[in-house]
C-alpha cells in the first residue's frame, strides 16, 4: 500500500525538478536574448 504513495511522491518530485530546470533554462536564454537585443541598439541610439 505504501509503495503507491511513495512512487507518486517521487514522480511529483521528478516532475517538479524537471520543471525548475526548464524554467531556469528559459530564464537564462531570455536573459541572453534580451542582452543581445539591447547591446546593438545602444551604439545606434548614441549616434542619433
Protein backbone atom coordinates (compact mmCIF):
# COMPACT_ATOMS: atom_id res chain seq x y z
CA UNK A 1 0.00 0.00 0.00
CA UNK A 2 2.80 2.44 0.81
CA UNK A 3 4.67 1.86 -2.45
CA UNK A 4 1.94 3.66 -4.44
CA UNK A 5 2.16 6.79 -2.28
CA UNK A 6 5.98 6.86 -2.30
CA UNK A 7 6.04 6.30 -6.07
CA UNK A 8 3.62 9.17 -6.61
CA UNK A 9 5.72 11.48 -4.45
CA UNK A 10 8.90 10.52 -6.31
CA UNK A 11 7.14 11.15 -9.62
CA UNK A 12 5.96 14.55 -8.40
CA UNK A 13 9.46 15.44 -7.17
CA UNK A 14 10.96 14.43 -10.52
CA UNK A 15 8.36 16.49 -12.39
CA UNK A 16 8.99 19.48 -10.11
CA UNK A 17 12.78 19.18 -10.55
CA UNK A 18 12.37 18.98 -14.33
CA UNK A 19 10.05 22.00 -14.35
CA UNK A 20 12.53 24.01 -12.28
CA UNK A 21 15.34 23.06 -14.66
CA UNK A 22 13.25 24.06 -17.68
CA UNK A 23 12.33 27.39 -16.05
CA UNK A 24 15.98 28.11 -15.27
CA UNK A 25 17.00 27.33 -18.85
CA UNK A 26 14.22 29.56 -20.20
CA UNK A 27 15.24 32.43 -17.91
CA UNK A 28 18.89 32.08 -18.96
CA UNK A 29 18.06 32.08 -22.66
CA UNK A 30 15.65 35.01 -22.26
CA UNK A 31 18.28 36.99 -20.33
CA UNK A 32 20.85 36.24 -23.05
CA UNK A 33 18.42 37.24 -25.82
CA UNK A 34 17.44 40.50 -24.10
CA UNK A 35 21.12 41.38 -23.62
CA UNK A 36 21.85 40.62 -27.28
CA UNK A 37 18.92 42.79 -28.36
CA UNK A 38 19.88 45.71 -26.08
CA UNK A 39 23.62 45.75 -26.86
CA UNK A 40 23.49 46.60 -30.62
CA UNK A 41 20.75 49.22 -30.08
CA UNK A 42 22.80 51.33 -27.64
CA UNK A 43 25.50 52.50 -30.12
CA UNK A 44 22.81 53.28 -32.72
CA UNK A 45 20.92 55.45 -30.21
CA UNK A 46 24.15 57.21 -29.23
CA UNK A 47 24.90 58.02 -32.90
CA UNK A 48 21.46 59.55 -33.31
